[in-house]
Amino acid sequence: MSQAELTTAAAPRTPRPLWTLGILRSELTTTLRRWRTLALLGVLAAVPVLIGIAVRIETGDGSSAGPDGGGGPAFLAQVTNNGLFLVFAALSATLPVFLPMAVGVVAGDSVAGEASGGTLRYLLVAPAGRTRLLLAKYASVLVFCLVATLVVAASALAVGALLFPVGEVTTISGTRIGFGEGLVRAGLIAVAVAVSLTGFAALGLFVSTLTNSGIAAMAATVGVLITVQILDAMPQLDGIHPYLFPHYWMSFTDLLRDPVYWDETARNLGLQAAYAAVFGSAAWARFTTKDITV
């Protein structure tokens, strides 16, 4: 073998764009086909069904639902007049706990699960490298955030249209918009909710790089979620509330104003971007220097 051939054989392989897309496609397929993921999506889809049936039973005698009728998520009182409001009520009910817990499970298991299963070393043999593999895993978690949110919204829309009348939407400002524009607002709100979970997803990815136990990473990520939620609910700590990732999660309600009020939504987007940058960088620093022994 000539010297040129030896040099070519010894040179590291440069990852091709198609290879990177292949890793992303593989990560998405693996994530979305897991039984655990499908079970989480099933639970999320069932929440709007349960809310819709409960409201239907409660209002069967003509009484009102929601805050005026015994408490409940925001927008619940409007569901009986317009089934589209079940989308907003379901997102309000799932965003504080169910949606982020599902994201925490997927993000926490993204790296640690591969390590505990003994497959992480085989993934790193591929020429994509650790950085691209980590980006592919984060991208797959972000896709799950969107899919999970859309599952809740789609389930709520179907149940709302089946159990209640649909039509023009009365905004928080008191104006009325057409059903088509209401659907557009619902889609925009679903995307805003998904984006609200991006910072927490980066935090979960970082936690996943700290351990080789998938169960420990998932438990720690969910534990952080619960702790921060408690801190955000304590009025004595209102000074730190604007810096906690869930503080502006419910700002999506401003997208139902006419005109739309963007201030709180913009703060939420900025906060999520900051969390994604900080914990994404921390995950990269940890993962690229981590000694993979399993």
C-alpha atoms as a PDB file:
ATOM      1  CA  MET A   1       0.000   0.000   0.000  1.00  0.00           C
ATOM      2  CA  SER A   2       1.375   3.408  -0.966  1.00  0.00           C
ATOM      3  CA  GLN A   3       1.969   6.257   1.477  1.00  0.00           C
ATOM      4  CA  ALA A   4      -1.013   8.180   0.029  1.00  0.00           C
ATOM      5  CA  GLU A   5      -3.296   5.193   0.543  1.00  0.00           C
ATOM      6  CA  LEU A   6      -2.059   4.790   4.122  1.00  0.00           C
ATOM      7  CA  THR A   7      -2.718   8.463   4.805  1.00  0.00           C
ATOM      8  CA  THR A   8      -6.212   8.210   3.331  1.00  0.00           C
ATOM      9  CA  ALA A   9      -7.017   5.095   5.354  1.00  0.00           C
ATOM     10  CA  ALA A  10      -5.764   6.654   8.587  1.00  0.00           C
ATOM     11  CA  ALA A  11      -7.597   9.948   8.124  1.00  0.00           C
ATOM     12  CA  PRO A  12     -10.800  10.335  10.148  1.00  0.00           C
ATOM     13  CA  ARG A  13     -13.991  10.105   8.178  1.00  0.00           C
ATOM     14  CA  THR A  14     -15.799  13.382   7.693  1.00  0.00           C
ATOM     15  CA  PRO A  15     -19.487  13.124   8.558  1.00  0.00           C
ATOM     16  CA  ARG A  16     -21.696  13.829   5.577  1.00  0.00           C
ATOM     17  CA  PRO A  17     -24.952  15.826   5.817  1.00  0.00           C
ATOM     18  CA  LEU A  18     -26.929  12.794   4.692  1.00  0.00           C
ATOM     19  CA  TRP A  19     -25.373  10.788   7.500  1.00  0.00           C
ATOM     20  CA  THR A  20     -26.397  13.459  10.011  1.00  0.00           C
ATOM     21  CA  LEU A  21     -29.957  13.374   8.679  1.00  0.00           C
ATOM     22  CA  GLY A  22     -29.844   9.602   8.975  1.00  0.00           C
ATOM     23  CA  ILE A  23     -28.936   9.840  12.657  1.00  0.00           C
ATOM     24  CA  LEU A  24     -31.733  12.340  13.260  1.00  0.00           C
ATOM     25  CA  ARG A  25     -34.213  10.116  11.456  1.00  0.00           C
ATOM     26  CA  SER A  26     -33.024   7.125  13.472  1.00  0.00           C
ATOM     27  CA  GLU A  27     -33.374   9.042  16.751  1.00  0.00           C
ATOM     28  CA  LEU A  28     -36.869  10.218  15.866  1.00  0.00           C
ATOM     29  CA  THR A  29     -37.936   6.722  14.883  1.00  0.00           C
ATOM     30  CA  THR A  30     -36.487   5.199  18.044  1.00  0.00           C
ATOM     31  CA  THR A  31     -38.029   7.845  20.298  1.00  0.00           C
ATOM     32  CA  LEU A  32     -41.510   7.831  18.795  1.00  0.00           C
ATOM     33  CA  ARG A  33     -41.768   4.052  18.463  1.00  0.00           C
ATOM     34  CA  ARG A  34     -40.890   3.193  22.052  1.00  0.00           C
ATOM     35  CA  TRP A  35     -43.764   1.674  23.995  1.00  0.00           C
ATOM     36  CA  ARG A  36     -43.072   4.139  26.804  1.00  0.00           C
ATOM     37  CA  THR A  37     -43.418   7.070  24.425  1.00  0.00           C
ATOM     38  CA  LEU A  38     -46.622   5.697  22.936  1.00  0.00           C
ATOM     39  CA  ALA A  39     -48.000   5.149  26.446  1.00  0.00           C
ATOM     40  CA  LEU A  40     -47.187   8.762  27.379  1.00  0.00           C
ATOM     41  CA  LEU A  41     -48.913  10.038  24.243  1.00  0.00           C
ATOM     42  CA  GLY A  42     -51.893   7.828  25.024  1.00  0.00           C
ATOM     43  CA  VAL A  43     -52.206   9.290  28.514  1.00  0.00           C
ATOM     44  CA  LEU A  44     -51.946  12.826  27.120  1.00  0.00           C
ATOM     45  CA  ALA A  45     -54.636  12.082  24.538  1.00  0.00           C
ATOM     46  CA  ALA A  46     -56.903  10.695  27.270  1.00  0.00           C
ATOM     47  CA  VAL A  47     -56.790  13.865  29.391  1.00  0.00           C
ATOM     48  CA  PRO A  48     -58.991  15.960  27.039  1.00  0.00           C
ATOM     49  CA  VAL A  49     -61.386  13.026  26.721  1.00  0.00           C
ATOM     50  CA  LEU A  50     -61.795  12.843  30.488  1.00  0.00           C
ATOM     51  CA  ILE A  51     -62.200  16.614  30.776  1.00  0.00           C
ATOM     52  CA  GLY A  52     -64.774  16.705  27.985  1.00  0.00           C
ATOM     53  CA  ILE A  53     -66.819  13.842  29.433  1.00  0.00           C
ATOM     54  CA  ALA A  54     -66.661  15.363  32.929  1.00  0.00           C
ATOM     55  CA  VAL A  55     -67.876  18.732  31.637  1.00  0.00           C
ATOM     56  CA  ARG A  56     -70.620  17.062  29.626  1.00  0.00           C
ATOM     57  CA  ILE A  57     -71.861  15.142  32.665  1.00  0.00           C
ATOM     58  CA  GLU A  58     -71.577  18.169  34.950  1.00  0.00           C
ATOM     59  CA  THR A  59     -73.496  20.443  32.604  1.00  0.00           C
ATOM     60  CA  GLY A  60     -76.130  17.896  31.670  1.00  0.00           C
ATOM     61  CA  ASP A  61     -78.595  19.551  34.034  1.00  0.00           C
ATOM     62  CA  GLY A  62     -77.887  23.028  32.683  1.00  0.00           C
ATOM     63  CA  SER A  63     -75.362  24.065  35.348  1.00  0.00           C
ATOM     64  CA  SER A  64     -72.114  25.780  34.401  1.00  0.00           C
ATOM     65  CA  ALA A  65     -68.616  24.300  34.446  1.00  0.00           C
ATOM     66  CA  GLY A  66     -65.305  25.778  35.431  1.00  0.00           C
ATOM     67  CA  PRO A  67     -64.539  28.484  37.985  1.00  0.00           C
ATOM     68  CA  ASP A  68     -68.182  29.482  38.252  1.00  0.00           C
ATOM     69  CA  GLY A  69     -69.224  25.903  38.656  1.00  0.00           C
ATOM     70  CA  GLY A  70     -66.789  24.405  41.095  1.00  0.00           C
ATOM     71  CA  GLY A  71     -63.309  25.237  39.863  1.00  0.00           C
ATOM     72  CA  GLY A  72     -61.141  23.744  37.149  1.00  0.00           C
ATOM     73  CA  PRO A  73     -58.658  24.723  34.435  1.00  0.00           C
ATOM     74  CA  ALA A  74     -58.863  28.062  32.653  1.00  0.00           C
ATOM     75  CA  PHE A  75     -61.404  28.286  29.792  1.00  0.00           C
ATOM     76  CA  LEU A  76     -63.434  25.412  31.237  1.00  0.00           C
ATOM     77  CA  ALA A  77     -66.533  27.572  31.708  1.00  0.00           C
ATOM     78  CA  GLN A  78     -66.627  28.360  27.960  1.00  0.00           C
ATOM     79  CA  VAL A  79     -66.405  24.748  26.774  1.00  0.00           C
ATOM     80  CA  THR A  80     -70.176  24.160  26.863  1.00  0.00           C
ATOM     81  CA  ASN A  81     -70.755  27.124  24.531  1.00  0.00           C
ATOM     82  CA  ASN A  82     -67.942  26.287  22.122  1.00  0.00           C
ATOM     83  CA  GLY A  83     -66.123  22.957  21.928  1.00  0.00           C
ATOM     84  CA  LEU A  84     -63.013  24.692  20.588  1.00  0.00           C
ATOM     85  CA  PHE A  85     -62.377  25.992  24.094  1.00  0.00           C
ATOM     86  CA  LEU A  86     -61.700  22.406  25.168  1.00  0.00           C
ATOM     87  CA  VAL A  87     -58.375  22.748  23.318  1.00  0.00           C
ATOM     88  CA  PHE A  88     -57.411  25.716  25.482  1.00  0.00           C
ATOM     89  CA  ALA A  89     -58.735  24.090  28.656  1.00  0.00           C
ATOM     90  CA  ALA A  90     -56.865  20.832  27.959  1.00  0.00           C
ATOM     91  CA  LEU A  91     -53.592  22.647  27.298  1.00  0.00           C
ATOM     92  CA  SER A  92     -54.094  24.651  30.496  1.00  0.00           C
ATOM     93  CA  ALA A  93     -54.655  21.424  32.427  1.00  0.00           C
ATOM     94  CA  THR A  94     -51.739  19.456  30.965  1.00  0.00           C
ATOM     95  CA  LEU A  95     -49.049  22.148  30.711  1.00  0.00           C
ATOM     96  CA  PRO A  96     -48.235  22.504  34.426  1.00  0.00           C
ATOM     97  CA  VAL A  97     -47.712  18.757  35.044  1.00  0.00           C
ATOM     98  CA  PHE A  98     -48.555  16.153  32.397  1.00  0.00           C
ATOM     99  CA  LEU A  99     -46.802  17.637  29.362  1.00  0.00           C
ATOM    100  CA  PRO A 100     -43.526  18.581  31.119  1.00  0.00           C
ATOM    101  CA  MET A 101     -43.430  15.247  32.959  1.00  0.00           C
ATOM    102  CA  ALA A 102     -43.703  13.417  29.627  1.00  0.00           C
ATOM    103  CA  VAL A 103     -40.945  15.617  28.183  1.00  0.00           C
ATOM    104  CA  GLY A 104     -38.850  15.031  31.308  1.00  0.00           C
ATOM    105  CA  VAL A 105     -39.106  11.258  30.873  1.00  0.00           C
ATOM    106  CA  VAL A 106     -38.066  11.395  27.202  1.00  0.00           C
ATOM    107  CA  ALA A 107     -35.288  13.966  27.717  1.00  0.00           C
ATOM    108  CA  GLY A 108     -33.931  12.299  30.847  1.00  0.00           C
ATOM    109  CA  ASP A 109     -33.689   8.955  29.080  1.00  0.00           C
ATOM    110  CA  SER A 110     -32.184  10.305  25.858  1.00  0.00           C
ATOM    111  CA  VAL A 111     -28.504   9.784  26.743  1.00  0.00           C
ATOM    112  CA  ALA A 112     -28.604   7.927  30.046  1.00  0.00           C
ATOM    113  CA  GLY A 113     -30.950   5.316  28.604  1.00  0.00           C
ATOM    114  CA  GLU A 114     -28.491   4.553  25.814  1.00  0.00           C
ATOM    115  CA  ALA A 115     -25.687   4.278  28.361  1.00  0.00           C
ATOM    116  CA  SER A 116     -27.622   1.948  30.650  1.00  0.00           C
ATOM    117  CA  GLY A 117     -28.658  -0.170  27.668  1.00  0.00           C
ATOM    118  CA  GLY A 118     -25.076  -0.483  26.454  1.00  0.00           C
ATOM    119  CA  THR A 119     -25.793   1.063  23.049  1.00  0.00           C
ATOM    120  CA  LEU A 120     -24.157   4.465  23.518  1.00  0.00           C
ATOM    121  CA  ARG A 121     -20.666   3.225  22.625  1.00  0.00           C
ATOM    122  CA  TYR A 122     -21.965   1.745  19.381  1.00  0.00           C
ATOM    123  CA  LEU A 123     -23.611   5.038  18.446  1.00  0.00           C
ATOM    124  CA  LEU A 124     -20.340   6.883  19.015  1.00  0.00           C
ATOM    125  CA  VAL A 125     -18.520   4.570  16.606  1.00  0.00           C
ATOM    126  CA  ALA A 126     -20.418   6.313  13.805  1.00  0.00           C
ATOM    127  CA  PRO A 127     -18.567   9.189  12.080  1.00  0.00           C
ATOM    128  CA  ALA A 128     -21.141  11.808  13.125  1.00  0.00           C
ATOM    129  CA  GLY A 129     -19.336  12.482  16.405  1.00  0.00           C
ATOM    130  CA  ARG A 130     -20.602  13.351  19.841  1.00  0.00           C
ATOM    131  CA  THR A 131     -21.749  16.881  19.032  1.00  0.00           C
ATOM    132  CA  ARG A 132     -23.971  15.848  16.155  1.00  0.00           C
ATOM    133  CA  LEU A 133     -25.321  12.893  18.098  1.00  0.00           C
ATOM    134  CA  LEU A 134     -26.234  15.184  21.002  1.00  0.00           C
ATOM    135  CA  LEU A 135     -27.882  17.671  18.627  1.00  0.00           C
ATOM    136  CA  ALA A 136     -29.867  14.839  17.048  1.00  0.00           C
ATOM    137  CA  LYS A 137     -31.056  13.685  20.461  1.00  0.00           C
ATOM    138  CA  TYR A 138     -32.082  17.209  21.468  1.00  0.00           C
ATOM    139  CA  ALA A 139     -33.878  17.672  18.151  1.00  0.00           C
ATOM    140  CA  SER A 140     -35.785  14.424  18.710  1.00  0.00           C
ATOM    141  CA  VAL A 141     -36.848  15.642  22.163  1.00  0.00           C
ATOM    142  CA  LEU A 142     -38.041  18.929  20.638  1.00  0.00           C
ATOM    143  CA  VAL A 143     -40.060  17.004  18.062  1.00  0.00           C
ATOM    144  CA  PHE A 144     -41.601  15.029  20.900  1.00  0.00           C
ATOM    145  CA  CYS A 145     -42.548  18.324  22.610  1.00  0.00           C
ATOM    146  CA  LEU A 146     -44.423  19.355  19.475  1.00  0.00           C
ATOM    147  CA  VAL A 147     -45.994  15.937  18.889  1.00  0.00           C
ATOM    148  CA  ALA A 148     -47.152  15.662  22.515  1.00  0.00           C
ATOM    149  CA  THR A 149     -48.711  19.129  22.410  1.00  0.00           C
ATOM    150  CA  LEU A 150     -50.437  18.460  19.106  1.00  0.00           C
ATOM    151  CA  VAL A 151     -51.791  15.145  20.436  1.00  0.00           C
ATOM    152  CA  VAL A 152     -53.445  17.001  23.322  1.00  0.00           C
ATOM    153  CA  ALA A 153     -54.800  19.706  21.008  1.00  0.00           C
ATOM    154  CA  ALA A 154     -56.074  17.267  18.374  1.00  0.00           C
ATOM    155  CA  SER A 155     -57.736  15.026  20.957  1.00  0.00           C
ATOM    156  CA  ALA A 156     -59.382  18.044  22.601  1.00  0.00           C
ATOM    157  CA  LEU A 157     -60.580  19.401  19.251  1.00  0.00           C
ATOM    158  CA  ALA A 158     -62.148  16.064  18.284  1.00  0.00           C
ATOM    159  CA  VAL A 159     -63.836  15.577  21.654  1.00  0.00           C
ATOM    160  CA  GLY A 160     -64.968  19.199  21.810  1.00  0.00           C
ATOM    161  CA  ALA A 161     -66.549  19.030  18.353  1.00  0.00           C
ATOM    162  CA  LEU A 162     -68.219  15.733  19.224  1.00  0.00           C
ATOM    163  CA  LEU A 163     -69.699  16.718  22.595  1.00  0.00           C
ATOM    164  CA  PHE A 164     -70.316  20.460  22.266  1.00  0.00           C
ATOM    165  CA  PRO A 165     -71.336  23.007  19.631  1.00  0.00           C
ATOM    166  CA  VAL A 166     -68.616  24.858  17.737  1.00  0.00           C
ATOM    167  CA  GLY A 167     -68.690  28.238  16.091  1.00  0.00           C
ATOM    168  CA  GLU A 168     -67.438  31.773  16.551  1.00  0.00           C
ATOM    169  CA  VAL A 169     -64.925  32.280  19.350  1.00  0.00           C
ATOM    170  CA  THR A 170     -65.252  34.986  21.982  1.00  0.00           C
ATOM    171  CA  THR A 171     -61.770  36.230  22.845  1.00  0.00           C
ATOM    172  CA  ILE A 172     -60.577  37.247  26.295  1.00  0.00           C
ATOM    173  CA  SER A 173     -60.951  40.851  25.136  1.00  0.00           C
ATOM    174  CA  GLY A 174     -64.669  40.271  24.526  1.00  0.00           C
ATOM    175  CA  THR A 175     -64.543  40.473  20.729  1.00  0.00           C
ATOM    176  CA  ARG A 176     -65.701  37.654  18.472  1.00  0.00           C
ATOM    177  CA  ILE A 177     -63.636  35.968  15.774  1.00  0.00           C
ATOM    178  CA  GLY A 178     -64.632  33.367  13.211  1.00  0.00           C
ATOM    179  CA  PHE A 179     -64.224  29.648  13.763  1.00  0.00           C
ATOM    180  CA  GLY A 180     -61.468  29.484  11.134  1.00  0.00           C
ATOM    181  CA  GLU A 181     -59.450  32.174  12.883  1.00  0.00           C
ATOM    182  CA  GLY A 182     -60.136  30.402  16.165  1.00  0.00           C
ATOM    183  CA  LEU A 183     -58.567  27.245  14.724  1.00  0.00           C
ATOM    184  CA  VAL A 184     -55.531  29.271  13.655  1.00  0.00           C
ATOM    185  CA  ARG A 185     -55.253  30.698  17.167  1.00  0.00           C
ATOM    186  CA  ALA A 186     -55.514  27.159  18.583  1.00  0.00           C
ATOM    187  CA  GLY A 187     -52.675  25.977  16.340  1.00  0.00           C
ATOM    188  CA  LEU A 188     -50.570  28.990  17.285  1.00  0.00           C
ATOM    189  CA  ILE A 189     -51.210  28.313  20.974  1.00  0.00           C
ATOM    190  CA  ALA A 190     -50.210  24.651  20.565  1.00  0.00           C
ATOM    191  CA  VAL A 191     -46.918  25.707  18.995  1.00  0.00           C
ATOM    192  CA  ALA A 192     -46.359  28.271  21.773  1.00  0.00           C
ATOM    193  CA  VAL A 193     -46.926  25.575  24.399  1.00  0.00           C
ATOM    194  CA  ALA A 194     -44.448  23.265  22.643  1.00  0.00           C
ATOM    195  CA  VAL A 195     -41.847  26.045  22.504  1.00  0.00           C
ATOM    196  CA  SER A 196     -42.421  26.676  26.217  1.00  0.00           C
ATOM    197  CA  LEU A 197     -41.016  23.204  26.907  1.00  0.00           C
ATOM    198  CA  THR A 198     -37.739  23.677  25.012  1.00  0.00           C
ATOM    199  CA  GLY A 199     -35.826  25.084  27.982  1.00  0.00           C
ATOM    200  CA  PHE A 200     -36.916  22.243  30.249  1.00  0.00           C
ATOM    201  CA  ALA A 201     -36.023  19.765  27.493  1.00  0.00           C
ATOM    202  CA  ALA A 202     -32.445  21.126  27.440  1.00  0.00           C
ATOM    203  CA  LEU A 203     -32.277  20.824  31.218  1.00  0.00           C
ATOM    204  CA  GLY A 204     -33.428  17.203  31.002  1.00  0.00           C
ATOM    205  CA  LEU A 205     -30.824  16.494  28.317  1.00  0.00           C
ATOM    206  CA  PHE A 206     -28.116  17.905  30.582  1.00  0.00           C
ATOM    207  CA  VAL A 207     -29.260  15.745  33.495  1.00  0.00           C
ATOM    208  CA  SER A 208     -29.205  12.746  31.161  1.00  0.00           C
ATOM    209  CA  THR A 209     -25.489  13.296  30.497  1.00  0.00           C
ATOM    210  CA  LEU A 210     -24.659  13.208  34.210  1.00  0.00           C
ATOM    211  CA  THR A 211     -25.512   9.556  34.835  1.00  0.00           C
ATOM    212  CA  ASN A 212     -25.525   6.169  33.157  1.00  0.00           C
ATOM    213  CA  SER A 213     -28.880   5.239  34.675  1.00  0.00           C
ATOM    214  CA  GLY A 214     -31.929   6.109  32.614  1.00  0.00           C
ATOM    215  CA  ILE A 215     -34.280   5.713  35.566  1.00  0.00           C
ATOM    216  CA  ALA A 216     -32.146   8.009  37.737  1.00  0.00           C
ATOM    217  CA  ALA A 217     -32.008  10.652  34.990  1.00  0.00           C
ATOM    218  CA  MET A 218     -35.781  10.562  34.470  1.00  0.00           C
ATOM    219  CA  ALA A 219     -36.458  10.742  38.207  1.00  0.00           C
ATOM    220  CA  ALA A 220     -34.008  13.618  38.674  1.00  0.00           C
ATOM    221  CA  THR A 221     -35.485  15.578  35.756  1.00  0.00           C
ATOM    222  CA  VAL A 222     -39.035  15.170  37.034  1.00  0.00           C
ATOM    223  CA  GLY A 223     -37.807  16.033  40.536  1.00  0.00           C
ATOM    224  CA  VAL A 224     -36.338  19.297  39.259  1.00  0.00           C
ATOM    225  CA  LEU A 225     -39.652  20.068  37.570  1.00  0.00           C
ATOM    226  CA  ILE A 226     -41.636  19.542  40.769  1.00  0.00           C
ATOM    227  CA  THR A 227     -39.161  21.559  42.850  1.00  0.00           C
ATOM    228  CA  VAL A 228     -39.174  24.520  40.473  1.00  0.00           C
ATOM    229  CA  GLN A 229     -42.973  24.430  40.250  1.00  0.00           C
ATOM    230  CA  ILE A 230     -43.157  24.631  44.047  1.00  0.00           C
ATOM    231  CA  LEU A 231     -40.703  27.541  44.107  1.00  0.00           C
ATOM    232  CA  ASP A 232     -42.718  29.362  41.449  1.00  0.00           C
ATOM    233  CA  ALA A 233     -45.865  28.993  43.575  1.00  0.00           C
ATOM    234  CA  MET A 234     -44.321  30.545  46.705  1.00  0.00           C
ATOM    235  CA  PRO A 235     -45.148  34.278  46.924  1.00  0.00           C
ATOM    236  CA  GLN A 236     -42.201  34.804  49.291  1.00  0.00           C
ATOM    237  CA  LEU A 237     -39.854  34.040  46.383  1.00  0.00           C
ATOM    238  CA  ASP A 238     -41.476  36.335  43.833  1.00  0.00           C
ATOM    239  CA  GLY A 239     -38.083  37.942  43.187  1.00  0.00           C
ATOM    240  CA  ILE A 240     -36.793  34.831  41.429  1.00  0.00           C
ATOM    241  CA  HIS A 241     -40.045  33.847  39.705  1.00  0.00           C
ATOM    242  CA  PRO A 242     -39.262  35.614  36.383  1.00  0.00           C
ATOM    243  CA  TYR A 243     -36.106  33.478  36.083  1.00  0.00           C
ATOM    244  CA  LEU A 244     -37.806  30.100  36.599  1.00  0.00           C
ATOM    245  CA  PHE A 245     -38.530  28.227  33.374  1.00  0.00           C
ATOM    246  CA  PRO A 246     -42.257  27.546  34.069  1.00  0.00           C
ATOM    247  CA  HIS A 247     -43.099  31.090  35.174  1.00  0.00           C
ATOM    248  CA  TYR A 248     -44.415  32.282  31.784  1.00  0.00           C
ATOM    249  CA  TRP A 249     -45.855  28.967  30.599  1.00  0.00           C
ATOM    250  CA  MET A 250     -49.450  30.190  30.869  1.00  0.00           C
ATOM    251  CA  SER A 251     -48.678  33.281  28.798  1.00  0.00           C
ATOM    252  CA  PHE A 252     -50.215  31.471  25.821  1.00  0.00           C
ATOM    253  CA  THR A 253     -53.587  32.761  27.034  1.00  0.00           C
ATOM    254  CA  ASP A 254     -52.585  36.195  25.703  1.00  0.00           C
ATOM    255  CA  LEU A 255     -52.797  34.743  22.196  1.00  0.00           C
ATOM    256  CA  LEU A 256     -56.564  34.692  22.686  1.00  0.00           C
ATOM    257  CA  ARG A 257     -56.731  38.445  23.099  1.00  0.00           C
ATOM    258  CA  ASP A 258     -57.781  40.772  20.301  1.00  0.00           C
ATOM    259  CA  PRO A 259     -55.382  42.242  19.433  1.00  0.00           C
ATOM    260  CA  VAL A 260     -52.832  39.658  20.589  1.00  0.00           C
ATOM    261  CA  TYR A 261     -50.783  40.716  23.613  1.00  0.00           C
ATOM    262  CA  TRP A 262     -47.187  39.648  22.890  1.00  0.00           C
ATOM    263  CA  ASP A 263     -45.211  40.941  25.907  1.00  0.00           C
ATOM    264  CA  GLU A 264     -45.528  37.892  28.178  1.00  0.00           C
ATOM    265  CA  THR A 265     -45.102  35.529  25.235  1.00  0.00           C
ATOM    266  CA  ALA A 266     -41.900  37.307  24.210  1.00  0.00           C
ATOM    267  CA  ARG A 267     -40.561  37.021  27.761  1.00  0.00           C
ATOM    268  CA  ASN A 268     -41.375  33.330  27.739  1.00  0.00           C
ATOM    269  CA  LEU A 269     -39.557  32.799  24.440  1.00  0.00           C
ATOM    270  CA  GLY A 270     -36.516  34.689  25.700  1.00  0.00           C
ATOM    271  CA  LEU A 271     -36.439  32.714  28.943  1.00  0.00           C
ATOM    272  CA  GLN A 272     -36.725  29.369  27.136  1.00  0.00           C
ATOM    273  CA  ALA A 273     -33.958  30.391  24.732  1.00  0.00           C
ATOM    274  CA  ALA A 274     -31.717  31.273  27.683  1.00  0.00           C
ATOM    275  CA  TYR A 275     -32.362  27.924  29.393  1.00  0.00           C
ATOM    276  CA  ALA A 276     -31.796  26.071  26.120  1.00  0.00           C
ATOM    277  CA  ALA A 277     -28.497  27.895  25.549  1.00  0.00           C
ATOM    278  CA  VAL A 278     -27.185  27.426  29.109  1.00  0.00           C
ATOM    279  CA  PHE A 279     -28.182  23.812  29.668  1.00  0.00           C
ATOM    280  CA  GLY A 280     -27.577  22.848  26.042  1.00  0.00           C
ATOM    281  CA  SER A 281     -24.010  24.146  26.373  1.00  0.00           C
ATOM    282  CA  ALA A 282     -23.617  22.356  29.702  1.00  0.00           C
ATOM    283  CA  ALA A 283     -24.867  19.113  28.148  1.00  0.00           C
ATOM    284  CA  TRP A 284     -22.437  19.518  25.245  1.00  0.00           C
ATOM    285  CA  ALA A 285     -19.499  20.230  27.584  1.00  0.00           C
ATOM    286  CA  ARG A 286     -20.335  17.202  29.692  1.00  0.00           C
ATOM    287  CA  PHE A 287     -21.077  14.811  26.844  1.00  0.00           C
ATOM    288  CA  THR A 288     -18.055  15.685  24.699  1.00  0.00           C
ATOM    289  CA  THR A 289     -15.663  15.084  27.621  1.00  0.00           C
ATOM    290  CA  LYS A 290     -17.492  12.152  29.204  1.00  0.00           C
ATOM    291  CA  ASP A 291     -15.672   8.841  29.433  1.00  0.00           C
ATOM    292  CA  ILE A 292     -18.030   6.329  27.821  1.00  0.00           C
ATOM    293  CA  THR A 293     -17.285   2.969  29.448  1.00  0.00           C
ATOM    294  CA  VAL A 294     -20.584   1.183  28.828  1.00  0.00           C
END
